[in-house]
Amino acid sequence: MNVAVLHYHLNQGGVTRVVANHLRSLDVAGRDVRVLLVTGPRRDAWPADLAESLSHVRLETVVVPDFEYDEGTTFDSERLTAALRGAFEAAGFAAGETVLHVHNHALGKNLAAPFAL
């Protein structure tokens, strides 16, 4: 199974801990899963050794710069769509074989994200 987990950042906060714990839980369950972690460029709180500590979860992380908080800049939804699609294709995550798990996509932190997704 392929699972793509998307969140704007991996800095300190609840979602970062939740994502890491989700991955650990999948691993403990013994399910062989490929996970593509898609994030913006901020990754200050991500556990650097997590991928190597997982036995059943094959984790790949990809940074999509446009998948970030707007912070005064409105991103183009077509450009974000192309960037996300490119990341999925490069990882071999086909649409019909991949579950998207997106955190907080509609909070207004990135106005292009709901349209791109």
PDB file of N, CA and C in Angstrom:
ATOM      1  N   MET A   1       0.839  -1.166   0.000  1.00  0.00           N
ATOM      2  CA  MET A   1       0.000   0.000   0.000  1.00  0.00           C
ATOM      3  C   MET A   1       0.890   1.236   0.000  1.00  0.00           C
ATOM      4  N   ASN A   2       0.422   2.289  -0.665  1.00  0.00           N
ATOM      5  CA  ASN A   2       1.094   3.579  -0.669  1.00  0.00           C
ATOM      6  C   ASN A   2       0.259   4.579   0.118  1.00  0.00           C
ATOM      7  N   VAL A   3       0.913   5.318   0.984  1.00  0.00           N
ATOM      8  CA  VAL A   3       0.254   6.386   1.731  1.00  0.00           C
ATOM      9  C   VAL A   3       1.096   7.641   1.565  1.00  0.00           C
ATOM     10  N   ALA A   4       0.465   8.717   1.128  1.00  0.00           N
ATOM     11  CA  ALA A   4       1.129  10.013   1.055  1.00  0.00           C
ATOM     12  C   ALA A   4       0.592  10.866   2.195  1.00  0.00           C
ATOM     13  N   VAL A   5       1.491  11.300   3.073  1.00  0.00           N
ATOM     14  CA  VAL A   5       1.133  12.148   4.205  1.00  0.00           C
ATOM     15  C   VAL A   5       1.606  13.553   3.882  1.00  0.00           C
ATOM     16  N   LEU A   6       0.696  14.516   3.945  1.00  0.00           N
ATOM     17  CA  LEU A   6       1.027  15.885   3.593  1.00  0.00           C
ATOM     18  C   LEU A   6       0.760  16.825   4.761  1.00  0.00           C
ATOM     19  N   HIS A   7       1.769  17.646   5.067  1.00  0.00           N
ATOM     20  CA  HIS A   7       1.600  18.729   6.034  1.00  0.00           C
ATOM     21  C   HIS A   7       2.563  19.848   5.668  1.00  0.00           C
ATOM     22  N   TYR A   8       2.167  21.069   5.948  1.00  0.00           N
ATOM     23  CA  TYR A   8       2.920  22.252   5.531  1.00  0.00           C
ATOM     24  C   TYR A   8       4.330  22.332   6.098  1.00  0.00           C
ATOM     25  N   HIS A   9       4.551  21.767   7.263  1.00  0.00           N
ATOM     26  CA  HIS A   9       5.870  21.856   7.887  1.00  0.00           C
ATOM     27  C   HIS A   9       6.052  20.702   8.863  1.00  0.00           C
ATOM     28  N   LEU A  10       7.282  20.516   9.267  1.00  0.00           N
ATOM     29  CA  LEU A  10       7.623  19.523  10.284  1.00  0.00           C
ATOM     30  C   LEU A  10       8.372  20.204  11.419  1.00  0.00           C
ATOM     31  N   ASN A  11       7.942  21.409  11.740  1.00  0.00           N
ATOM     32  CA  ASN A  11       8.492  22.120  12.887  1.00  0.00           C
ATOM     33  C   ASN A  11       7.783  21.667  14.147  1.00  0.00           C
ATOM     34  N   GLN A  12       8.191  22.224  15.267  1.00  0.00           N
ATOM     35  CA  GLN A  12       7.593  21.886  16.550  1.00  0.00           C
ATOM     36  C   GLN A  12       6.086  22.087  16.496  1.00  0.00           C
ATOM     37  N   GLY A  13       5.350  21.123  16.986  1.00  0.00           N
ATOM     38  CA  GLY A  13       3.899  21.249  17.037  1.00  0.00           C
ATOM     39  C   GLY A  13       3.229  19.903  17.057  1.00  0.00           C
ATOM     40  N   GLY A  14       1.953  19.952  17.282  1.00  0.00           N
ATOM     41  CA  GLY A  14       1.176  18.733  17.427  1.00  0.00           C
ATOM     42  C   GLY A  14       1.142  17.862  16.197  1.00  0.00           C
ATOM     43  N   VAL A  15       0.986  18.457  15.024  1.00  0.00           N
ATOM     44  CA  VAL A  15       0.872  17.650  13.808  1.00  0.00           C
ATOM     45  C   VAL A  15       2.160  16.899  13.531  1.00  0.00           C
ATOM     46  N   THR A  16       3.292  17.521  13.751  1.00  0.00           N
ATOM     47  CA  THR A  16       4.567  16.838  13.527  1.00  0.00           C
ATOM     48  C   THR A  16       4.671  15.597  14.412  1.00  0.00           C
ATOM     49  N   ARG A  17       4.302  15.731  15.686  1.00  0.00           N
ATOM     50  CA  ARG A  17       4.324  14.570  16.591  1.00  0.00           C
ATOM     51  C   ARG A  17       3.304  13.523  16.160  1.00  0.00           C
ATOM     52  N   VAL A  18       2.127  13.958  15.729  1.00  0.00           N
ATOM     53  CA  VAL A  18       1.088  13.023  15.287  1.00  0.00           C
ATOM     54  C   VAL A  18       1.571  12.232  14.074  1.00  0.00           C
ATOM     55  N   VAL A  19       2.168  12.886  13.111  1.00  0.00           N
ATOM     56  CA  VAL A  19       2.657  12.195  11.910  1.00  0.00           C
ATOM     57  C   VAL A  19       3.722  11.171  12.291  1.00  0.00           C
ATOM     58  N   ALA A  20       4.684  11.564  13.105  1.00  0.00           N
ATOM     59  CA  ALA A  20       5.736  10.630  13.525  1.00  0.00           C
ATOM     60  C   ALA A  20       5.124   9.440  14.263  1.00  0.00           C
ATOM     61  N   ASN A  21       4.155   9.691  15.130  1.00  0.00           N
ATOM     62  CA  ASN A  21       3.517   8.594  15.868  1.00  0.00           C
ATOM     63  C   ASN A  21       2.666   7.709  14.966  1.00  0.00           C
ATOM     64  N   HIS A  22       2.026   8.278  13.954  1.00  0.00           N
ATOM     65  CA  HIS A  22       1.298   7.463  12.982  1.00  0.00           C
ATOM     66  C   HIS A  22       2.242   6.473  12.305  1.00  0.00           C
ATOM     67  N   LEU A  23       3.400   6.966  11.904  1.00  0.00           N
ATOM     68  CA  LEU A  23       4.370   6.108  11.221  1.00  0.00           C
ATOM     69  C   LEU A  23       4.879   5.004  12.140  1.00  0.00           C
ATOM     70  N   ARG A  24       5.149   5.357  13.381  1.00  0.00           N
ATOM     71  CA  ARG A  24       5.585   4.340  14.349  1.00  0.00           C
ATOM     72  C   ARG A  24       4.488   3.300  14.583  1.00  0.00           C
ATOM     73  N   SER A  25       3.239   3.742  14.642  1.00  0.00           N
ATOM     74  CA  SER A  25       2.113   2.814  14.845  1.00  0.00           C
ATOM     75  C   SER A  25       1.953   1.866  13.668  1.00  0.00           C
ATOM     76  N   LEU A  26       2.061   2.381  12.452  1.00  0.00           N
ATOM     77  CA  LEU A  26       2.000   1.506  11.281  1.00  0.00           C
ATOM     78  C   LEU A  26       3.113   0.472  11.325  1.00  0.00           C
ATOM     79  N   ASP A  27       4.285   0.903  11.752  1.00  0.00           N
ATOM     80  CA  ASP A  27       5.425  -0.005  11.823  1.00  0.00           C
ATOM     81  C   ASP A  27       5.198  -1.101  12.856  1.00  0.00           C
ATOM     82  N   VAL A  28       4.726  -0.729  14.032  1.00  0.00           N
ATOM     83  CA  VAL A  28       4.464  -1.701  15.098  1.00  0.00           C
ATOM     84  C   VAL A  28       3.381  -2.689  14.664  1.00  0.00           C
ATOM     85  N   ALA A  29       2.428  -2.226  13.861  1.00  0.00           N
ATOM     86  CA  ALA A  29       1.361  -3.100  13.382  1.00  0.00           C
ATOM     87  C   ALA A  29       1.886  -4.146  12.399  1.00  0.00           C
ATOM     88  N   GLY A  30       3.108  -3.950  11.914  1.00  0.00           N
ATOM     89  CA  GLY A  30       3.708  -4.934  11.025  1.00  0.00           C
ATOM     90  C   GLY A  30       3.224  -4.860   9.594  1.00  0.00           C
ATOM     91  N   ARG A  31       2.606  -3.750   9.230  1.00  0.00           N
ATOM     92  CA  ARG A  31       2.118  -3.579   7.861  1.00  0.00           C
ATOM     93  C   ARG A  31       3.228  -3.033   6.985  1.00  0.00           C
ATOM     94  N   ASP A  32       3.477  -3.696   5.869  1.00  0.00           N
ATOM     95  CA  ASP A  32       4.451  -3.179   4.915  1.00  0.00           C
ATOM     96  C   ASP A  32       3.779  -2.080   4.100  1.00  0.00           C
ATOM     97  N   VAL A  33       4.242  -0.872   4.324  1.00  0.00           N
ATOM     98  CA  VAL A  33       3.633   0.313   3.723  1.00  0.00           C
ATOM     99  C   VAL A  33       4.734   1.218   3.194  1.00  0.00           C
ATOM    100  N   ARG A  34       4.502   1.757   2.014  1.00  0.00           N
ATOM    101  CA  ARG A  34       5.370   2.818   1.494  1.00  0.00           C
ATOM    102  C   ARG A  34       4.710   4.136   1.843  1.00  0.00           C
ATOM    103  N   VAL A  35       5.477   5.032   2.465  1.00  0.00           N
ATOM    104  CA  VAL A  35       4.943   6.333   2.848  1.00  0.00           C
ATOM    105  C   VAL A  35       5.793   7.422   2.206  1.00  0.00           C
ATOM    106  N   LEU A  36       5.102   8.340   1.550  1.00  0.00           N
ATOM    107  CA  LEU A  36       5.740   9.529   1.017  1.00  0.00           C
ATOM    108  C   LEU A  36       5.293  10.690   1.895  1.00  0.00           C
ATOM    109  N   LEU A  37       6.222  11.281   2.610  1.00  0.00           N
ATOM    110  CA  LEU A  37       5.936  12.413   3.472  1.00  0.00           C
ATOM    111  C   LEU A  37       6.228  13.683   2.678  1.00  0.00           C
ATOM    112  N   VAL A  38       5.180  14.437   2.390  1.00  0.00           N
ATOM    113  CA  VAL A  38       5.283  15.651   1.579  1.00  0.00           C
ATOM    114  C   VAL A  38       5.132  16.850   2.507  1.00  0.00           C
ATOM    115  N   THR A  39       6.095  17.745   2.449  1.00  0.00           N
ATOM    116  CA  THR A  39       6.100  18.892   3.354  1.00  0.00           C
ATOM    117  C   THR A  39       6.720  20.098   2.681  1.00  0.00           C
ATOM    118  N   GLY A  40       6.506  21.247   3.305  1.00  0.00           N
ATOM    119  CA  GLY A  40       7.224  22.442   2.900  1.00  0.00           C
ATOM    120  C   GLY A  40       8.643  22.374   3.443  1.00  0.00           C
ATOM    121  N   PRO A  41       9.406  23.448   3.281  1.00  0.00           N
ATOM    122  CA  PRO A  41      10.829  23.398   3.638  1.00  0.00           C
ATOM    123  C   PRO A  41      11.151  23.439   5.125  1.00  0.00           C
ATOM    124  N   ARG A  42      10.204  23.767   5.991  1.00  0.00           N
ATOM    125  CA  ARG A  42      10.512  23.862   7.430  1.00  0.00           C
ATOM    126  C   ARG A  42      10.413  22.480   8.074  1.00  0.00           C
ATOM    127  N   ARG A  43      11.557  22.007   8.664  1.00  0.00           N
ATOM    128  CA  ARG A  43      11.616  20.648   9.227  1.00  0.00           C
ATOM    129  C   ARG A  43      12.419  20.590  10.517  1.00  0.00           C
ATOM    130  N   ASP A  44      12.360  21.612  11.316  1.00  0.00           N
ATOM    131  CA  ASP A  44      13.226  21.716  12.492  1.00  0.00           C
ATOM    132  C   ASP A  44      12.970  20.671  13.575  1.00  0.00           C
ATOM    133  N   ALA A  45      11.774  20.126  13.660  1.00  0.00           N
ATOM    134  CA  ALA A  45      11.460  19.204  14.760  1.00  0.00           C
ATOM    135  C   ALA A  45      11.288  17.759  14.303  1.00  0.00           C
ATOM    136  N   TRP A  46      11.601  17.458  13.054  1.00  0.00           N
ATOM    137  CA  TRP A  46      11.422  16.096  12.570  1.00  0.00           C
ATOM    138  C   TRP A  46      12.546  15.211  13.096  1.00  0.00           C
ATOM    139  N   PRO A  47      12.218  14.045  13.656  1.00  0.00           N
ATOM    140  CA  PRO A  47      13.261  13.142  14.159  1.00  0.00           C
ATOM    141  C   PRO A  47      14.095  12.570  13.006  1.00  0.00           C
ATOM    142  N   ALA A  48      15.338  12.968  12.936  1.00  0.00           N
ATOM    143  CA  ALA A  48      16.202  12.622  11.811  1.00  0.00           C
ATOM    144  C   ALA A  48      16.402  11.127  11.644  1.00  0.00           C
ATOM    145  N   ASP A  49      16.313  10.360  12.720  1.00  0.00           N
ATOM    146  CA  ASP A  49      16.570   8.926  12.661  1.00  0.00           C
ATOM    147  C   ASP A  49      15.302   8.080  12.507  1.00  0.00           C
ATOM    148  N   LEU A  50      14.161   8.721  12.317  1.00  0.00           N
ATOM    149  CA  LEU A  50      12.904   7.971  12.282  1.00  0.00           C
ATOM    150  C   LEU A  50      12.869   6.962  11.135  1.00  0.00           C
ATOM    151  N   ALA A  51      13.216   7.371   9.934  1.00  0.00           N
ATOM    152  CA  ALA A  51      13.129   6.473   8.780  1.00  0.00           C
ATOM    153  C   ALA A  51      13.949   5.203   8.990  1.00  0.00           C
ATOM    154  N   GLU A  52      15.144   5.338   9.565  1.00  0.00           N
ATOM    155  CA  GLU A  52      16.013   4.186   9.776  1.00  0.00           C
ATOM    156  C   GLU A  52      15.507   3.282  10.902  1.00  0.00           C
ATOM    157  N   SER A  53      14.687   3.825  11.786  1.00  0.00           N
ATOM    158  CA  SER A  53      14.198   3.026  12.913  1.00  0.00           C
ATOM    159  C   SER A  53      12.961   2.194  12.567  1.00  0.00           C
ATOM    160  N   LEU A  54      12.404   2.408  11.406  1.00  0.00           N
ATOM    161  CA  LEU A  54      11.192   1.692  10.999  1.00  0.00           C
ATOM    162  C   LEU A  54      11.544   0.411  10.264  1.00  0.00           C
ATOM    163  N   SER A  55      10.882  -0.679  10.614  1.00  0.00           N
ATOM    164  CA  SER A  55      11.154  -1.972   9.988  1.00  0.00           C
ATOM    165  C   SER A  55      10.225  -2.270   8.822  1.00  0.00           C
ATOM    166  N   HIS A  56       8.960  -1.881   8.942  1.00  0.00           N
ATOM    167  CA  HIS A  56       7.957  -2.229   7.931  1.00  0.00           C
ATOM    168  C   HIS A  56       7.533  -1.050   7.070  1.00  0.00           C
ATOM    169  N   VAL A  57       7.750   0.132   7.546  1.00  0.00           N
ATOM    170  CA  VAL A  57       7.365   1.332   6.812  1.00  0.00           C
ATOM    171  C   VAL A  57       8.578   1.846   6.058  1.00  0.00           C
ATOM    172  N   ARG A  58       8.430   1.935   4.749  1.00  0.00           N
ATOM    173  CA  ARG A  58       9.486   2.526   3.923  1.00  0.00           C
ATOM    174  C   ARG A  58       9.127   3.987   3.723  1.00  0.00           C
ATOM    175  N   LEU A  59       9.881   4.857   4.341  1.00  0.00           N
ATOM    176  CA  LEU A  59       9.570   6.284   4.384  1.00  0.00           C
ATOM    177  C   LEU A  59      10.492   7.074   3.473  1.00  0.00           C
ATOM    178  N   GLU A  60       9.880   7.870   2.634  1.00  0.00           N
ATOM    179  CA  GLU A  60      10.611   8.819   1.799  1.00  0.00           C
ATOM    180  C   GLU A  60      10.004  10.193   2.054  1.00  0.00           C
ATOM    181  N   THR A  61      10.852  11.189   2.201  1.00  0.00           N
ATOM    182  CA  THR A  61      10.390  12.549   2.431  1.00  0.00           C
ATOM    183  C   THR A  61      10.730  13.405   1.225  1.00  0.00           C
ATOM    184  N   VAL A  62       9.766  14.211   0.801  1.00  0.00           N
ATOM    185  CA  VAL A  62      10.003  15.132  -0.300  1.00  0.00           C
ATOM    186  C   VAL A  62       9.535  16.518   0.121  1.00  0.00           C
ATOM    187  N   VAL A  63      10.367  17.506  -0.160  1.00  0.00           N
ATOM    188  CA  VAL A  63      10.041  18.897   0.139  1.00  0.00           C
ATOM    189  C   VAL A  63       9.478  19.541  -1.118  1.00  0.00           C
ATOM    190  N   VAL A  64       8.276  20.099  -0.981  1.00  0.00           N
ATOM    191  CA  VAL A  64       7.634  20.847  -2.061  1.00  0.00           C
ATOM    192  C   VAL A  64       7.555  22.296  -1.572  1.00  0.00           C
ATOM    193  N   PRO A  65       8.452  23.158  -2.053  1.00  0.00           N
ATOM    194  CA  PRO A  65       8.519  24.522  -1.523  1.00  0.00           C
ATOM    195  C   PRO A  65       7.191  25.286  -1.555  1.00  0.00           C
ATOM    196  N   ASP A  66       6.364  25.062  -2.536  1.00  0.00           N
ATOM    197  CA  ASP A  66       5.081  25.772  -2.622  1.00  0.00           C
ATOM    198  C   ASP A  66       4.036  25.239  -1.653  1.00  0.00           C
ATOM    199  N   PHE A  67       4.303  24.092  -1.025  1.00  0.00           N
ATOM    200  CA  PHE A  67       3.390  23.550  -0.020  1.00  0.00           C
ATOM    201  C   PHE A  67       3.857  24.081   1.333  1.00  0.00           C
ATOM    202  N   GLU A  68       3.547  25.329   1.574  1.00  0.00           N
ATOM    203  CA  GLU A  68       4.041  26.085   2.723  1.00  0.00           C
ATOM    204  C   GLU A  68       2.982  27.116   3.070  1.00  0.00           C
ATOM    205  N   TYR A  69       3.035  27.666   4.254  1.00  0.00           N
ATOM    206  CA  TYR A  69       2.125  28.750   4.613  1.00  0.00           C
ATOM    207  C   TYR A  69       2.324  29.906   3.640  1.00  0.00           C
ATOM    208  N   ASP A  70       1.224  30.560   3.282  1.00  0.00           N
ATOM    209  CA  ASP A  70       1.298  31.690   2.353  1.00  0.00           C
ATOM    210  C   ASP A  70       2.128  32.841   2.920  1.00  0.00           C
ATOM    211  N   GLU A  71       1.871  33.216   4.176  1.00  0.00           N
ATOM    212  CA  GLU A  71       2.586  34.304   4.833  1.00  0.00           C
ATOM    213  C   GLU A  71       2.710  35.540   3.950  1.00  0.00           C
ATOM    214  N   GLY A  72       1.575  35.981   3.427  1.00  0.00           N
ATOM    215  CA  GLY A  72       1.542  37.199   2.621  1.00  0.00           C
ATOM    216  C   GLY A  72       1.753  36.975   1.143  1.00  0.00           C
ATOM    217  N   THR A  73       2.139  35.786   0.759  1.00  0.00           N
ATOM    218  CA  THR A  73       2.347  35.472  -0.653  1.00  0.00           C
ATOM    219  C   THR A  73       1.327  34.422  -1.053  1.00  0.00           C
ATOM    220  N   THR A  74       0.572  34.694  -2.082  1.00  0.00           N
ATOM    221  CA  THR A  74      -0.399  33.723  -2.556  1.00  0.00           C
ATOM    222  C   THR A  74       0.265  32.836  -3.594  1.00  0.00           C
ATOM    223  N   PHE A  75       0.239  31.559  -3.344  1.00  0.00           N
ATOM    224  CA  PHE A  75       0.819  30.614  -4.287  1.00  0.00           C
ATOM    225  C   PHE A  75      -0.189  30.276  -5.374  1.00  0.00           C
ATOM    226  N   ASP A  76       0.301  29.877  -6.478  1.00  0.00           N
ATOM    227  CA  ASP A  76      -0.504  29.523  -7.643  1.00  0.00           C
ATOM    228  C   ASP A  76      -0.945  28.068  -7.505  1.00  0.00           C
ATOM    229  N   SER A  77      -2.258  27.808  -7.538  1.00  0.00           N
ATOM    230  CA  SER A  77      -2.757  26.440  -7.340  1.00  0.00           C
ATOM    231  C   SER A  77      -2.338  25.518  -8.479  1.00  0.00           C
ATOM    232  N   GLU A  78      -2.237  26.031  -9.697  1.00  0.00           N
ATOM    233  CA  GLU A  78      -1.797  25.185 -10.817  1.00  0.00           C
ATOM    234  C   GLU A  78      -0.333  24.784 -10.639  1.00  0.00           C
ATOM    235  N   ARG A  79       0.483  25.704 -10.169  1.00  0.00           N
ATOM    236  CA  ARG A  79       1.897  25.394  -9.933  1.00  0.00           C
ATOM    237  C   ARG A  79       2.032  24.384  -8.792  1.00  0.00           C
ATOM    238  N   LEU A  80       1.235  24.562  -7.727  1.00  0.00           N
ATOM    239  CA  LEU A  80       1.271  23.615  -6.613  1.00  0.00           C
ATOM    240  C   LEU A  80       0.772  22.242  -7.060  1.00  0.00           C
ATOM    241  N   THR A  81      -0.279  22.212  -7.860  1.00  0.00           N
ATOM    242  CA  THR A  81      -0.788  20.943  -8.394  1.00  0.00           C
ATOM    243  C   THR A  81       0.303  20.215  -9.170  1.00  0.00           C
ATOM    244  N   ALA A  82       0.993  20.942 -10.038  1.00  0.00           N
ATOM    245  CA  ALA A  82       2.062  20.338 -10.837  1.00  0.00           C
ATOM    246  C   ALA A  82       3.202  19.846  -9.952  1.00  0.00           C
ATOM    247  N   ALA A  83       3.541  20.604  -8.911  1.00  0.00           N
ATOM    248  CA  ALA A  83       4.628  20.197  -8.016  1.00  0.00           C
ATOM    249  C   ALA A  83       4.256  18.945  -7.230  1.00  0.00           C
ATOM    250  N   LEU A  84       3.025  18.896  -6.724  1.00  0.00           N
ATOM    251  CA  LEU A  84       2.584  17.706  -5.983  1.00  0.00           C
ATOM    252  C   LEU A  84       2.508  16.494  -6.903  1.00  0.00           C
ATOM    253  N   ARG A  85       1.920  16.684  -8.067  1.00  0.00           N
ATOM    254  CA  ARG A  85       1.825  15.582  -9.029  1.00  0.00           C
ATOM    255  C   ARG A  85       3.214  15.067  -9.390  1.00  0.00           C
ATOM    256  N   GLY A  86       4.153  15.981  -9.604  1.00  0.00           N
ATOM    257  CA  GLY A  86       5.525  15.588  -9.916  1.00  0.00           C
ATOM    258  C   GLY A  86       6.174  14.798  -8.795  1.00  0.00           C
ATOM    259  N   ALA A  87       5.932  15.210  -7.557  1.00  0.00           N
ATOM    260  CA  ALA A  87       6.490  14.490  -6.405  1.00  0.00           C
ATOM    261  C   ALA A  87       5.920  13.084  -6.317  1.00  0.00           C
ATOM    262  N   PHE A  88       4.608  12.945  -6.523  1.00  0.00           N
ATOM    263  CA  PHE A  88       3.980  11.621  -6.474  1.00  0.00           C
ATOM    264  C   PHE A  88       4.498  10.733  -7.599  1.00  0.00           C
ATOM    265  N   GLU A  89       4.586  11.279  -8.799  1.00  0.00           N
ATOM    266  CA  GLU A  89       5.060  10.497  -9.946  1.00  0.00           C
ATOM    267  C   GLU A  89       6.516  10.075  -9.777  1.00  0.00           C
ATOM    268  N   ALA A  90       7.351  10.987  -9.285  1.00  0.00           N
ATOM    269  CA  ALA A  90       8.775  10.669  -9.093  1.00  0.00           C
ATOM    270  C   ALA A  90       8.962   9.542  -8.081  1.00  0.00           C
ATOM    271  N   ALA A  91       8.069   9.474  -7.109  1.00  0.00           N
ATOM    272  CA  ALA A  91       8.154   8.425  -6.086  1.00  0.00           C
ATOM    273  C   ALA A  91       7.451   7.140  -6.519  1.00  0.00           C
ATOM    274  N   GLY A  92       6.756   7.166  -7.655  1.00  0.00           N
ATOM    275  CA  GLY A  92       6.028   5.990  -8.111  1.00  0.00           C
ATOM    276  C   GLY A  92       4.716   5.782  -7.380  1.00  0.00           C
ATOM    277  N   PHE A  93       4.115   6.847  -6.909  1.00  0.00           N
ATOM    278  CA  PHE A  93       2.844   6.790  -6.191  1.00  0.00           C
ATOM    279  C   PHE A  93       1.709   7.122  -7.151  1.00  0.00           C
ATOM    280  N   ALA A  94       1.132   6.097  -7.762  1.00  0.00           N
ATOM    281  CA  ALA A  94       0.054   6.282  -8.728  1.00  0.00           C
ATOM    282  C   ALA A  94      -1.246   6.648  -8.017  1.00  0.00           C
ATOM    283  N   ALA A  95      -2.071   7.437  -8.673  1.00  0.00           N
ATOM    284  CA  ALA A  95      -3.312   7.939  -8.071  1.00  0.00           C
ATOM    285  C   ALA A  95      -4.215   6.816  -7.579  1.00  0.00           C
ATOM    286  N   GLY A  96      -4.383   5.765  -8.337  1.00  0.00           N
ATOM    287  CA  GLY A  96      -5.280   4.680  -7.967  1.00  0.00           C
ATOM    288  C   GLY A  96      -4.720   3.730  -6.919  1.00  0.00           C
ATOM    289  N   GLU A  97      -3.476   3.945  -6.517  1.00  0.00           N
ATOM    290  CA  GLU A  97      -2.814   3.048  -5.565  1.00  0.00           C
ATOM    291  C   GLU A  97      -2.315   3.779  -4.321  1.00  0.00           C
ATOM    292  N   THR A  98      -2.775   5.015  -4.125  1.00  0.00           N
ATOM    293  CA  THR A  98      -2.237   5.851  -3.062  1.00  0.00           C
ATOM    294  C   THR A  98      -3.352   6.494  -2.256  1.00  0.00           C
ATOM    295  N   VAL A  99      -3.231   6.400  -0.938  1.00  0.00           N
ATOM    296  CA  VAL A  99      -4.137   7.085  -0.023  1.00  0.00           C
ATOM    297  C   VAL A  99      -3.467   8.399   0.371  1.00  0.00           C
ATOM    298  N   LEU A 100      -4.200   9.515   0.249  1.00  0.00           N
ATOM    299  CA  LEU A 100      -3.700  10.808   0.704  1.00  0.00           C
ATOM    300  C   LEU A 100      -4.186  11.060   2.121  1.00  0.00           C
ATOM    301  N   HIS A 101      -3.254  11.411   2.988  1.00  0.00           N
ATOM    302  CA  HIS A 101      -3.578  11.768   4.373  1.00  0.00           C
ATOM    303  C   HIS A 101      -3.056  13.196   4.554  1.00  0.00           C
ATOM    304  N   VAL A 102      -3.975  14.162   4.505  1.00  0.00           N
ATOM    305  CA  VAL A 102      -3.595  15.571   4.497  1.00  0.00           C
ATOM    306  C   VAL A 102      -4.013  16.218   5.814  1.00  0.00           C
ATOM    307  N   HIS A 103      -3.082  16.927   6.425  1.00  0.00           N
ATOM    308  CA  HIS A 103      -3.366  17.608   7.690  1.00  0.00           C
ATOM    309  C   HIS A 103      -3.666  19.087   7.439  1.00  0.00           C
ATOM    310  N   ASN A 104      -4.815  19.540   7.909  1.00  0.00           N
ATOM    311  CA  ASN A 104      -5.173  20.957   7.947  1.00  0.00           C
ATOM    312  C   ASN A 104      -5.140  21.658   6.589  1.00  0.00           C
ATOM    313  N   HIS A 105      -5.587  20.964   5.570  1.00  0.00           N
ATOM    314  CA  HIS A 105      -5.513  21.525   4.223  1.00  0.00           C
ATOM    315  C   HIS A 105      -6.429  22.725   4.013  1.00  0.00           C
ATOM    316  N   ALA A 106      -7.504  22.854   4.786  1.00  0.00           N
ATOM    317  CA  ALA A 106      -8.503  23.892   4.521  1.00  0.00           C
ATOM    318  C   ALA A 106      -8.540  24.973   5.604  1.00  0.00           C
ATOM    319  N   LEU A 107      -7.467  25.145   6.357  1.00  0.00           N
ATOM    320  CA  LEU A 107      -7.434  26.180   7.388  1.00  0.00           C
ATOM    321  C   LEU A 107      -7.103  27.568   6.849  1.00  0.00           C
ATOM    322  N   GLY A 108      -6.778  27.645   5.577  1.00  0.00           N
ATOM    323  CA  GLY A 108      -6.436  28.933   4.993  1.00  0.00           C
ATOM    324  C   GLY A 108      -4.977  29.308   5.129  1.00  0.00           C
ATOM    325  N   LYS A 109      -4.150  28.381   5.557  1.00  0.00           N
ATOM    326  CA  LYS A 109      -2.715  28.662   5.691  1.00  0.00           C
ATOM    327  C   LYS A 109      -2.028  28.742   4.334  1.00  0.00           C
ATOM    328  N   ASN A 110      -2.565  28.023   3.366  1.00  0.00           N
ATOM    329  CA  ASN A 110      -2.087  28.078   1.987  1.00  0.00           C
ATOM    330  C   ASN A 110      -3.342  28.012   1.125  1.00  0.00           C
ATOM    331  N   LEU A 111      -3.699  29.141   0.550  1.00  0.00           N
ATOM    332  CA  LEU A 111      -4.972  29.228  -0.171  1.00  0.00           C
ATOM    333  C   LEU A 111      -5.005  28.369  -1.434  1.00  0.00           C
ATOM    334  N   ALA A 112      -3.848  27.992  -1.956  1.00  0.00           N
ATOM    335  CA  ALA A 112      -3.803  27.158  -3.159  1.00  0.00           C
ATOM    336  C   ALA A 112      -3.995  25.684  -2.833  1.00  0.00           C
ATOM    337  N   ALA A 113      -3.720  25.283  -1.599  1.00  0.00           N
ATOM    338  CA  ALA A 113      -3.721  23.856  -1.253  1.00  0.00           C
ATOM    339  C   ALA A 113      -5.061  23.148  -1.504  1.00  0.00           C
ATOM    340  N   PRO A 114      -6.189  23.681  -1.052  1.00  0.00           N
ATOM    341  CA  PRO A 114      -7.453  22.953  -1.303  1.00  0.00           C
ATOM    342  C   PRO A 114      -7.723  22.744  -2.788  1.00  0.00           C
ATOM    343  N   PHE A 115      -7.388  23.738  -3.606  1.00  0.00           N
ATOM    344  CA  PHE A 115      -7.608  23.616  -5.043  1.00  0.00           C
ATOM    345  C   PHE A 115      -6.649  22.606  -5.662  1.00  0.00           C
ATOM    346  N   ALA A 116      -5.400  22.629  -5.229  1.00  0.00           N
ATOM    347  CA  ALA A 116      -4.389  21.714  -5.771  1.00  0.00           C
ATOM    348  C   ALA A 116      -4.712  20.268  -5.390  1.00  0.00           C
ATOM    349  N   LEU A 117      -5.171  20.078  -4.160  1.00  0.00           N
ATOM    350  CA  LEU A 117      -5.476  18.716  -3.720  1.00  0.00           C
ATOM    351  C   LEU A 117      -6.703  18.189  -4.422  1.00  0.00           C
TER     352      LEU A 117
END
